[in-house]
Amino acid sequence: MSAPVTVSITRHVDPAHSDEMLAWIRAGGALAARFDGFLGTGWVRPAPDSDEWHMLYRFADGHSLARWEESSQRRWWLGAAQGIVGESRLERRTGIEGWFDEPTTTDVQDLRPLPQAPPRWKQMVVIWLAFFPLSLLMSWLLGLAAPGLPLLPRVLLSTVVMTPLMTYVVLPRMTRALDWWLHGRPAPWRA
């Protein structure tokens, strides 16, 4: 007996078409529910204004999934969104892991080229631009708050405070602000 298969698809649609996308998703779920072996469907967006829609559907086995994916109903449904919905990533997982656990098997298809990582020297510059002012501020504050603190506790306290700030606050904002430079695109104010 074959394991259940979960298909995860990342689709992109202009946020202005969110209502149409929601109706399209519901129609697809209703059509898929008529097929033997259908176990469920769902979707999530990272934010209300995001163009990404992460969609899941699950079938009892590969044969049931294939009947749905090769059906005229699904072809009609996909055709109804031509020009509005773009697909960028498709992943198939077998077993319960499609919902919760690590996969026993995974088939991933990236349908758009992955963005190139910025050159390391540019990454280094952004890290330094974030680290230097934060380090300076932290040293100044510790000098005011605990002027006689020995080196080891001072560095320990400094790194305990700075590491989460760098990881969760400063670096994400710096990389978003300098994304154009990191990836060699024109500055936003020049575009």
Foldseek 3Di string as FASTA:
>chain_A
DFFKKKKKWKKFFQLVCVVVVVVLVVQLQVVLVVFAFWDDKDWDDPDSRGRIIIIMTMGRHPVSVVCSVPDPSVVVSVVVCPPGMGIAKMKMAGHPVSPPNDGPDMDIDGRDDDADFFDVVVVVVLLCVQPVVLVVVLVVVCCVVPVPDDDPVSVVVSCVVVVCCCVPPRSVVSCVQCVCVRRVHDHPVVD
